[in-house]
Amino acid sequence: MFDSAFSLPVVGADRVTARSAERRAEIDRARPGDPLTLRRERGVRGGRPVVAVYSERGVQLGYIWPDRVQEVAGLVAVARALFRSADTFGCIVHITVDGSTPALPPPPRRPERRAQAPAAPKRDEFAGIFPIAPRSRAYAVGDATKRIIAADLSHSDKSRRPADGRA
């Protein structure tokens, strides 16, 4: 046997029909916990009964997954269903088959993030292929460089001036 409360996939929302856009729009409009109605359709498909799922507004969302329809087909009269979530194939519904009001299961817990160790220093991409050039004097001296350059310029200006000191 099976549990009295379980979740099942609903398929057929994207099947190419005149109402496929309406089904997909209704699935997009539905919110978790919205009540749904299950209706057993006449006949069988592929040797299995067919159970359709309708929203509270009366729009068909699709059909219970054929591999799992046997669990619900004979109990449609007492089954209660809630919309759980939208999915790429249609949606997922939560169903109880004992006549009780279904309650959505809690969402899965996300694992807690562990504190991460500090990142290791980045390695040299070139693994020492290119030697590091020695630092120039200007780089090493810093602000004193301005004084050295200014002194060099003043000496060069004197060399261009005429001997009598006129500019």
N, C-alpha and C. Protein backbone atom coordinates (compact mmCIF):
# COMPACT_ATOMS: atom_id res chain seq x y z
N MET A 1 0.85 -1.19 0.00
CA MET A 1 0.00 0.00 0.00
C MET A 1 0.89 1.24 0.00
N PHE A 2 0.31 2.41 0.05
CA PHE A 2 1.05 3.65 0.00
C PHE A 2 0.57 4.59 1.09
N ASP A 3 1.30 5.67 1.29
CA ASP A 3 0.92 6.68 2.29
C ASP A 3 -0.37 7.34 1.86
N SER A 4 -1.09 7.91 2.84
CA SER A 4 -2.33 8.59 2.50
C SER A 4 -2.09 10.00 1.96
N ALA A 5 -0.87 10.52 2.10
CA ALA A 5 -0.53 11.85 1.57
C ALA A 5 0.76 11.73 0.78
N PHE A 6 0.75 12.24 -0.45
CA PHE A 6 1.92 12.15 -1.32
C PHE A 6 1.82 13.19 -2.41
N SER A 7 2.92 13.42 -3.09
CA SER A 7 2.96 14.38 -4.20
C SER A 7 3.09 13.63 -5.51
N LEU A 8 2.40 14.14 -6.53
CA LEU A 8 2.42 13.52 -7.85
C LEU A 8 2.63 14.57 -8.94
N PRO A 9 3.27 14.18 -10.03
CA PRO A 9 3.42 15.11 -11.15
C PRO A 9 2.15 15.16 -12.00
N VAL A 10 1.87 16.33 -12.53
CA VAL A 10 0.76 16.53 -13.46
C VAL A 10 1.38 16.91 -14.80
N VAL A 11 1.05 16.14 -15.82
CA VAL A 11 1.65 16.35 -17.15
C VAL A 11 0.57 16.75 -18.15
N GLY A 12 1.00 17.16 -19.32
CA GLY A 12 0.07 17.49 -20.40
C GLY A 12 -0.14 18.96 -20.60
N ALA A 13 0.50 19.80 -19.80
CA ALA A 13 0.31 21.25 -19.94
C ALA A 13 0.85 21.76 -21.27
N ASP A 14 1.91 21.15 -21.74
CA ASP A 14 2.53 21.62 -22.99
C ASP A 14 2.14 20.79 -24.20
N ARG A 15 1.23 19.86 -24.02
CA ARG A 15 0.77 19.08 -25.17
C ARG A 15 0.07 20.03 -26.14
N VAL A 16 0.38 19.90 -27.41
CA VAL A 16 -0.13 20.84 -28.40
C VAL A 16 -1.62 20.60 -28.62
N THR A 17 -2.40 21.47 -28.02
CA THR A 17 -3.86 21.46 -28.19
C THR A 17 -4.32 22.91 -28.22
N ALA A 18 -5.61 23.09 -28.40
CA ALA A 18 -6.17 24.44 -28.42
C ALA A 18 -6.08 25.09 -27.03
N ARG A 19 -5.98 24.28 -25.97
CA ARG A 19 -5.98 24.82 -24.61
C ARG A 19 -4.61 24.76 -23.93
N SER A 20 -3.56 24.44 -24.64
CA SER A 20 -2.25 24.31 -23.99
C SER A 20 -1.78 25.65 -23.41
N ALA A 21 -2.01 26.75 -24.10
CA ALA A 21 -1.60 28.06 -23.58
C ALA A 21 -2.42 28.41 -22.33
N GLU A 22 -3.70 28.05 -22.34
CA GLU A 22 -4.56 28.31 -21.18
C GLU A 22 -4.09 27.49 -19.98
N ARG A 23 -3.68 26.25 -20.21
CA ARG A 23 -3.19 25.40 -19.12
C ARG A 23 -1.91 25.97 -18.53
N ARG A 24 -0.98 26.34 -19.38
CA ARG A 24 0.29 26.88 -18.90
C ARG A 24 0.07 28.19 -18.15
N ALA A 25 -0.84 29.04 -18.63
CA ALA A 25 -1.13 30.30 -17.94
C ALA A 25 -1.76 30.03 -16.58
N GLU A 26 -2.61 29.04 -16.48
CA GLU A 26 -3.24 28.71 -15.20
C GLU A 26 -2.20 28.16 -14.21
N ILE A 27 -1.26 27.38 -14.69
CA ILE A 27 -0.19 26.87 -13.83
C ILE A 27 0.66 28.04 -13.34
N ASP A 28 0.95 29.00 -14.20
CA ASP A 28 1.73 30.17 -13.79
C ASP A 28 0.97 31.03 -12.79
N ARG A 29 -0.35 31.06 -12.88
CA ARG A 29 -1.19 31.85 -11.99
C ARG A 29 -1.36 31.19 -10.62
N ALA A 30 -1.28 29.87 -10.57
CA ALA A 30 -1.52 29.13 -9.32
C ALA A 30 -0.41 29.38 -8.30
N ARG A 31 -0.78 29.37 -7.04
CA ARG A 31 0.15 29.56 -5.93
C ARG A 31 0.16 28.31 -5.06
N PRO A 32 1.29 28.01 -4.41
CA PRO A 32 1.33 26.84 -3.54
C PRO A 32 0.22 26.91 -2.49
N GLY A 33 -0.50 25.80 -2.37
CA GLY A 33 -1.60 25.72 -1.41
C GLY A 33 -2.97 25.93 -2.04
N ASP A 34 -3.04 26.34 -3.31
CA ASP A 34 -4.34 26.51 -3.97
C ASP A 34 -5.02 25.15 -4.09
N PRO A 35 -6.33 25.07 -3.75
CA PRO A 35 -7.03 23.79 -3.86
C PRO A 35 -7.27 23.40 -5.32
N LEU A 36 -7.20 22.11 -5.58
CA LEU A 36 -7.41 21.56 -6.92
C LEU A 36 -8.49 20.48 -6.86
N THR A 37 -9.07 20.18 -8.01
CA THR A 37 -10.09 19.14 -8.11
C THR A 37 -9.58 18.04 -9.02
N LEU A 38 -9.80 16.80 -8.61
CA LEU A 38 -9.44 15.64 -9.43
C LEU A 38 -10.71 15.07 -10.04
N ARG A 39 -10.67 14.78 -11.33
CA ARG A 39 -11.83 14.20 -12.03
C ARG A 39 -11.36 13.01 -12.86
N ARG A 40 -12.03 11.91 -12.67
CA ARG A 40 -11.70 10.73 -13.49
C ARG A 40 -12.40 10.87 -14.83
N GLU A 41 -11.64 10.74 -15.90
CA GLU A 41 -12.18 10.86 -17.26
C GLU A 41 -12.69 9.50 -17.72
N ARG A 42 -13.61 9.53 -18.64
CA ARG A 42 -14.13 8.27 -19.20
C ARG A 42 -13.07 7.61 -20.07
N GLY A 43 -13.09 6.30 -20.09
CA GLY A 43 -12.18 5.56 -20.95
C GLY A 43 -10.80 5.41 -20.33
N VAL A 44 -9.94 4.82 -21.12
CA VAL A 44 -8.55 4.60 -20.70
C VAL A 44 -7.61 5.02 -21.81
N ARG A 45 -6.40 5.32 -21.44
CA ARG A 45 -5.35 5.63 -22.41
C ARG A 45 -4.17 4.74 -22.11
N GLY A 46 -3.76 3.99 -23.08
CA GLY A 46 -2.64 3.09 -22.89
C GLY A 46 -2.93 2.02 -21.86
N GLY A 47 -4.19 1.62 -21.72
CA GLY A 47 -4.57 0.59 -20.76
C GLY A 47 -4.66 1.09 -19.33
N ARG A 48 -4.59 2.40 -19.13
CA ARG A 48 -4.66 2.97 -17.78
C ARG A 48 -5.79 3.97 -17.69
N PRO A 49 -6.39 4.10 -16.51
CA PRO A 49 -7.41 5.13 -16.34
C PRO A 49 -6.80 6.53 -16.44
N VAL A 50 -7.62 7.51 -16.66
CA VAL A 50 -7.15 8.89 -16.81
C VAL A 50 -7.78 9.75 -15.72
N VAL A 51 -6.94 10.49 -14.98
CA VAL A 51 -7.42 11.41 -13.95
C VAL A 51 -6.93 12.80 -14.30
N ALA A 52 -7.88 13.70 -14.53
CA ALA A 52 -7.56 15.09 -14.88
C ALA A 52 -7.51 15.94 -13.61
N VAL A 53 -6.70 17.01 -13.66
CA VAL A 53 -6.55 17.92 -12.53
C VAL A 53 -7.04 19.29 -12.97
N TYR A 54 -7.97 19.87 -12.15
CA TYR A 54 -8.56 21.17 -12.46
C TYR A 54 -8.27 22.15 -11.34
N SER A 55 -8.08 23.41 -11.71
CA SER A 55 -7.88 24.46 -10.71
C SER A 55 -9.21 24.83 -10.09
N GLU A 56 -9.18 25.66 -9.06
CA GLU A 56 -10.42 26.11 -8.42
C GLU A 56 -11.23 27.02 -9.35
N ARG A 57 -10.60 27.55 -10.40
CA ARG A 57 -11.31 28.37 -11.39
C ARG A 57 -11.89 27.53 -12.52
N GLY A 58 -11.72 26.21 -12.45
CA GLY A 58 -12.30 25.31 -13.44
C GLY A 58 -11.46 25.07 -14.68
N VAL A 59 -10.20 25.51 -14.67
CA VAL A 59 -9.31 25.32 -15.82
C VAL A 59 -8.49 24.05 -15.61
N GLN A 60 -8.43 23.22 -16.64
CA GLN A 60 -7.68 21.98 -16.53
C GLN A 60 -6.19 22.26 -16.60
N LEU A 61 -5.43 21.71 -15.62
CA LEU A 61 -3.99 21.87 -15.58
C LEU A 61 -3.28 20.76 -16.34
N GLY A 62 -3.88 19.59 -16.39
CA GLY A 62 -3.26 18.45 -17.05
C GLY A 62 -3.80 17.15 -16.47
N TYR A 63 -2.96 16.11 -16.54
CA TYR A 63 -3.36 14.78 -16.08
C TYR A 63 -2.32 14.24 -15.11
N ILE A 64 -2.79 13.42 -14.16
CA ILE A 64 -1.88 12.73 -13.25
C ILE A 64 -0.95 11.87 -14.10
N TRP A 65 0.31 11.83 -13.74
CA TRP A 65 1.33 11.05 -14.45
C TRP A 65 0.84 9.62 -14.64
N PRO A 66 0.85 9.08 -15.85
CA PRO A 66 0.28 7.75 -16.13
C PRO A 66 0.86 6.62 -15.28
N ASP A 67 2.12 6.69 -14.92
CA ASP A 67 2.72 5.63 -14.12
C ASP A 67 2.19 5.62 -12.68
N ARG A 68 1.64 6.73 -12.22
CA ARG A 68 1.17 6.83 -10.84
C ARG A 68 -0.34 6.95 -10.73
N VAL A 69 -1.05 6.94 -11.85
CA VAL A 69 -2.49 7.16 -11.82
C VAL A 69 -3.25 6.03 -11.11
N GLN A 70 -2.70 4.83 -11.09
CA GLN A 70 -3.37 3.71 -10.43
C GLN A 70 -3.57 3.98 -8.94
N GLU A 71 -2.69 4.75 -8.33
CA GLU A 71 -2.78 5.06 -6.92
C GLU A 71 -3.97 5.95 -6.60
N VAL A 72 -4.42 6.73 -7.56
CA VAL A 72 -5.44 7.73 -7.30
C VAL A 72 -6.78 7.41 -7.97
N ALA A 73 -6.76 6.69 -9.07
CA ALA A 73 -7.96 6.52 -9.90
C ALA A 73 -9.18 6.01 -9.13
N GLY A 74 -9.02 5.02 -8.29
CA GLY A 74 -10.16 4.48 -7.56
C GLY A 74 -10.57 5.30 -6.36
N LEU A 75 -9.77 6.28 -5.99
CA LEU A 75 -10.03 7.07 -4.78
C LEU A 75 -10.34 8.54 -5.08
N VAL A 76 -10.71 8.84 -6.30
CA VAL A 76 -10.96 10.23 -6.70
C VAL A 76 -12.07 10.85 -5.87
N ALA A 77 -13.06 10.07 -5.46
CA ALA A 77 -14.19 10.61 -4.71
C ALA A 77 -13.75 11.17 -3.35
N VAL A 78 -12.74 10.60 -2.72
CA VAL A 78 -12.31 11.08 -1.41
C VAL A 78 -11.00 11.84 -1.46
N ALA A 79 -10.34 11.87 -2.60
CA ALA A 79 -9.03 12.52 -2.71
C ALA A 79 -9.17 14.03 -2.66
N ARG A 80 -8.23 14.66 -2.00
CA ARG A 80 -8.13 16.11 -1.94
C ARG A 80 -6.74 16.48 -2.44
N ALA A 81 -6.65 17.60 -3.15
CA ALA A 81 -5.37 17.98 -3.76
C ALA A 81 -5.09 19.47 -3.59
N LEU A 82 -3.80 19.79 -3.45
CA LEU A 82 -3.32 21.17 -3.40
C LEU A 82 -2.22 21.34 -4.44
N PHE A 83 -2.17 22.54 -5.01
CA PHE A 83 -1.08 22.88 -5.92
C PHE A 83 0.19 23.03 -5.08
N ARG A 84 1.28 22.39 -5.55
CA ARG A 84 2.54 22.47 -4.81
C ARG A 84 3.54 23.37 -5.51
N SER A 85 3.83 23.10 -6.81
CA SER A 85 4.79 23.93 -7.52
C SER A 85 4.67 23.70 -9.03
N ALA A 86 5.10 24.71 -9.78
CA ALA A 86 5.16 24.59 -11.24
C ALA A 86 6.47 23.90 -11.61
N ASP A 87 6.48 23.25 -12.76
CA ASP A 87 7.69 22.57 -13.22
C ASP A 87 7.72 22.64 -14.74
N THR A 88 8.81 22.18 -15.34
CA THR A 88 8.95 22.26 -16.79
C THR A 88 7.95 21.38 -17.53
N PHE A 89 7.55 20.28 -16.94
CA PHE A 89 6.62 19.36 -17.59
C PHE A 89 5.17 19.69 -17.28
N GLY A 90 4.90 20.53 -16.33
CA GLY A 90 3.55 20.87 -15.89
C GLY A 90 3.59 21.40 -14.48
N CYS A 91 3.16 20.57 -13.52
CA CYS A 91 3.20 20.99 -12.12
C CYS A 91 3.23 19.77 -11.20
N ILE A 92 3.36 20.05 -9.93
CA ILE A 92 3.34 18.99 -8.92
C ILE A 92 2.20 19.32 -7.96
N VAL A 93 1.42 18.30 -7.63
CA VAL A 93 0.31 18.46 -6.70
C VAL A 93 0.54 17.57 -5.49
N HIS A 94 0.02 17.99 -4.35
CA HIS A 94 0.08 17.20 -3.13
C HIS A 94 -1.33 16.67 -2.87
N ILE A 95 -1.44 15.37 -2.68
CA ILE A 95 -2.74 14.70 -2.61
C ILE A 95 -2.87 13.90 -1.32
N THR A 96 -4.07 13.92 -0.74
CA THR A 96 -4.41 12.98 0.32
C THR A 96 -5.56 12.13 -0.19
N VAL A 97 -5.55 10.85 0.14
CA VAL A 97 -6.60 9.95 -0.34
C VAL A 97 -7.41 9.34 0.81
N ASP A 98 -7.30 9.93 2.01
CA ASP A 98 -8.08 9.44 3.13
C ASP A 98 -9.20 10.40 3.51
N GLY A 99 -9.45 11.41 2.68
CA GLY A 99 -10.53 12.37 2.92
C GLY A 99 -10.11 13.55 3.78
N SER A 100 -8.90 13.54 4.33
CA SER A 100 -8.45 14.65 5.16
C SER A 100 -7.98 15.81 4.29
N THR A 101 -7.89 16.95 4.92
CA THR A 101 -7.42 18.13 4.21
C THR A 101 -5.89 18.03 4.06
N PRO A 102 -5.38 18.15 2.85
CA PRO A 102 -3.92 18.04 2.67
C PRO A 102 -3.20 19.27 3.20
N ALA A 103 -1.99 19.06 3.63
CA ALA A 103 -1.11 20.16 4.05
C ALA A 103 0.19 20.01 3.27
N LEU A 104 0.66 21.11 2.76
CA LEU A 104 1.90 21.05 1.99
C LEU A 104 3.06 20.66 2.89
N PRO A 105 3.93 19.79 2.41
CA PRO A 105 5.12 19.46 3.20
C PRO A 105 6.03 20.67 3.27
N PRO A 106 6.84 20.76 4.33
CA PRO A 106 7.76 21.90 4.42
C PRO A 106 8.76 21.85 3.28
N PRO A 107 9.22 23.02 2.83
CA PRO A 107 10.21 23.02 1.75
C PRO A 107 11.49 22.36 2.24
N PRO A 108 12.26 21.76 1.32
CA PRO A 108 13.50 21.10 1.73
C PRO A 108 14.47 22.10 2.33
N ARG A 109 15.16 21.67 3.37
CA ARG A 109 16.13 22.54 4.02
C ARG A 109 17.37 22.66 3.15
N ARG A 110 17.85 23.86 3.07
CA ARG A 110 19.11 24.08 2.37
C ARG A 110 20.24 23.87 3.37
N PRO A 111 21.29 23.24 2.93
CA PRO A 111 22.39 23.03 3.88
C PRO A 111 22.98 24.37 4.32
N GLU A 112 23.37 24.41 5.59
CA GLU A 112 23.96 25.63 6.11
C GLU A 112 25.34 25.83 5.51
N ARG A 113 25.66 27.07 5.27
CA ARG A 113 26.98 27.37 4.71
C ARG A 113 28.00 27.34 5.82
N ARG A 114 29.04 26.62 5.59
CA ARG A 114 30.12 26.54 6.55
C ARG A 114 31.07 27.71 6.35
N ALA A 115 31.70 28.10 7.45
CA ALA A 115 32.68 29.17 7.35
C ALA A 115 33.84 28.67 6.49
N GLN A 116 34.24 29.47 5.56
CA GLN A 116 35.30 29.06 4.65
C GLN A 116 36.65 29.58 5.14
N ALA A 117 37.66 28.78 4.91
CA ALA A 117 39.02 29.19 5.25
C ALA A 117 39.43 30.34 4.33
N PRO A 118 40.33 31.19 4.79
CA PRO A 118 40.76 32.29 3.91
C PRO A 118 41.37 31.73 2.63
N ALA A 119 41.17 32.45 1.59
CA ALA A 119 41.67 32.00 0.28
C ALA A 119 43.20 32.00 0.27
N ALA A 120 43.74 31.00 -0.38
CA ALA A 120 45.19 30.91 -0.51
C ALA A 120 45.67 31.99 -1.47
N PRO A 121 46.89 32.48 -1.28
CA PRO A 121 47.39 33.50 -2.20
C PRO A 121 47.46 32.94 -3.62
N LYS A 122 47.22 33.80 -4.56
CA LYS A 122 47.22 33.37 -5.96
C LYS A 122 48.64 33.01 -6.39
N ARG A 123 48.71 31.95 -7.17
CA ARG A 123 50.00 31.53 -7.70
C ARG A 123 50.33 32.33 -8.95
N ASP A 124 51.61 32.43 -9.22
CA ASP A 124 52.07 33.09 -10.43
C ASP A 124 51.63 32.26 -11.62
N GLU A 125 50.86 32.84 -12.54
CA GLU A 125 50.36 32.12 -13.70
C GLU A 125 51.48 31.55 -14.56
N PHE A 126 52.58 32.28 -14.63
CA PHE A 126 53.66 31.90 -15.53
C PHE A 126 54.73 31.06 -14.84
N ALA A 127 54.52 30.73 -13.56
CA ALA A 127 55.41 29.86 -12.80
C ALA A 127 56.87 30.27 -12.90
N GLY A 128 57.13 31.55 -12.86
CA GLY A 128 58.51 32.02 -12.83
C GLY A 128 59.21 32.01 -14.17
N ILE A 129 58.50 31.88 -15.27
CA ILE A 129 59.13 31.88 -16.58
C ILE A 129 59.74 33.24 -16.88
N PHE A 130 58.98 34.30 -16.53
CA PHE A 130 59.47 35.65 -16.79
C PHE A 130 60.08 36.20 -15.50
N PRO A 131 61.37 36.58 -15.55
CA PRO A 131 61.99 37.11 -14.33
C PRO A 131 61.41 38.47 -13.99
N ILE A 132 61.36 38.75 -12.73
CA ILE A 132 60.86 40.04 -12.28
C ILE A 132 61.99 41.05 -12.42
N ALA A 133 61.74 42.16 -13.11
CA ALA A 133 62.76 43.19 -13.33
C ALA A 133 63.06 43.88 -12.01
N PRO A 134 64.32 44.21 -11.78
CA PRO A 134 64.64 44.94 -10.54
C PRO A 134 63.95 46.29 -10.57
N ARG A 135 63.62 46.78 -9.41
CA ARG A 135 62.91 48.06 -9.34
C ARG A 135 63.86 49.19 -9.71
N SER A 136 63.34 50.14 -10.42
CA SER A 136 64.16 51.28 -10.81
C SER A 136 64.40 52.18 -9.60
N ARG A 137 65.36 53.07 -9.74
CA ARG A 137 65.66 53.98 -8.65
C ARG A 137 64.48 54.89 -8.36
N ALA A 138 63.79 55.31 -9.41
CA ALA A 138 62.65 56.20 -9.24
C ALA A 138 61.56 55.52 -8.44
N TYR A 139 61.36 54.25 -8.67
CA TYR A 139 60.33 53.51 -7.96
C TYR A 139 60.72 53.36 -6.49
N ALA A 140 62.00 53.10 -6.25
CA ALA A 140 62.46 52.87 -4.89
C ALA A 140 62.47 54.16 -4.06
N VAL A 141 62.75 55.28 -4.67
CA VAL A 141 62.91 56.52 -3.93
C VAL A 141 61.58 57.18 -3.62
N GLY A 142 60.62 57.12 -4.52
CA GLY A 142 59.30 57.69 -4.27
C GLY A 142 59.29 59.19 -4.45
N ASP A 143 58.91 59.94 -3.39
CA ASP A 143 58.78 61.40 -3.48
C ASP A 143 60.12 62.09 -3.71
N ALA A 144 61.18 61.46 -3.27
CA ALA A 144 62.51 62.05 -3.48
C ALA A 144 62.84 62.11 -4.96
N THR A 145 62.17 61.32 -5.77
CA THR A 145 62.40 61.31 -7.21
C THR A 145 62.12 62.68 -7.81
N LYS A 146 61.10 63.35 -7.31
CA LYS A 146 60.75 64.67 -7.84
C LYS A 146 61.91 65.64 -7.63
N ARG A 147 62.55 65.53 -6.46
CA ARG A 147 63.68 66.42 -6.18
C ARG A 147 64.87 66.11 -7.09
N ILE A 148 65.10 64.82 -7.35
CA ILE A 148 66.22 64.42 -8.21
C ILE A 148 65.97 64.92 -9.62
N ILE A 149 64.75 64.73 -10.12
CA ILE A 149 64.41 65.16 -11.47
C ILE A 149 64.49 66.67 -11.57
N ALA A 150 64.00 67.39 -10.55
CA ALA A 150 64.06 68.85 -10.55
C ALA A 150 65.51 69.32 -10.57
N ALA A 151 66.37 68.64 -9.80
CA ALA A 151 67.79 69.02 -9.77
C ALA A 151 68.43 68.77 -11.14
N ASP A 152 68.09 67.66 -11.76
CA ASP A 152 68.63 67.36 -13.09
C ASP A 152 68.18 68.40 -14.10
N LEU A 153 66.93 68.83 -14.02
CA LEU A 153 66.44 69.85 -14.95
C LEU A 153 67.12 71.19 -14.73
N SER A 154 67.36 71.52 -13.48
CA SER A 154 68.00 72.80 -13.22
C SER A 154 69.44 72.80 -13.75
N HIS A 155 70.12 71.65 -13.66
CA HIS A 155 71.48 71.57 -14.22
C HIS A 155 71.45 71.66 -15.74
N SER A 156 70.46 71.04 -16.35
CA SER A 156 70.40 71.08 -17.81
C SER A 156 70.05 72.47 -18.30
N ASP A 157 69.23 73.20 -17.54
CA ASP A 157 68.90 74.57 -17.93
C ASP A 157 70.13 75.46 -17.89
N LYS A 158 70.99 75.25 -16.89
CA LYS A 158 72.20 76.07 -16.75
C LYS A 158 73.15 75.82 -17.92
N SER A 159 73.15 74.60 -18.40
CA SER A 159 74.06 74.31 -19.51
C SER A 159 73.60 74.97 -20.79
N ARG A 160 72.34 75.28 -20.91
CA ARG A 160 71.82 75.92 -22.14
C ARG A 160 71.93 77.45 -22.08
N ARG A 161 72.10 77.98 -20.91
CA ARG A 161 72.15 79.44 -20.77
C ARG A 161 73.51 79.97 -21.27
N PRO A 162 73.46 81.16 -21.76
CA PRO A 162 74.75 81.76 -22.16
C PRO A 162 75.63 82.04 -20.94
N ALA A 163 76.89 82.15 -21.15
CA ALA A 163 77.86 82.33 -20.06
C ALA A 163 77.65 83.60 -19.28
N ASP A 164 77.08 84.63 -19.89
CA ASP A 164 76.90 85.89 -19.17
C ASP A 164 75.71 85.85 -18.20
N GLY A 165 74.88 84.74 -18.20
CA GLY A 165 73.79 84.58 -17.25
C GLY A 165 72.49 85.15 -17.73
N ARG A 166 72.45 85.70 -18.97
CA ARG A 166 71.17 86.21 -19.47
C ARG A 166 70.34 85.09 -20.01
N ALA A 167 69.07 85.22 -19.88
CA ALA A 167 68.20 84.19 -20.37
C ALA A 167 67.78 84.39 -21.80
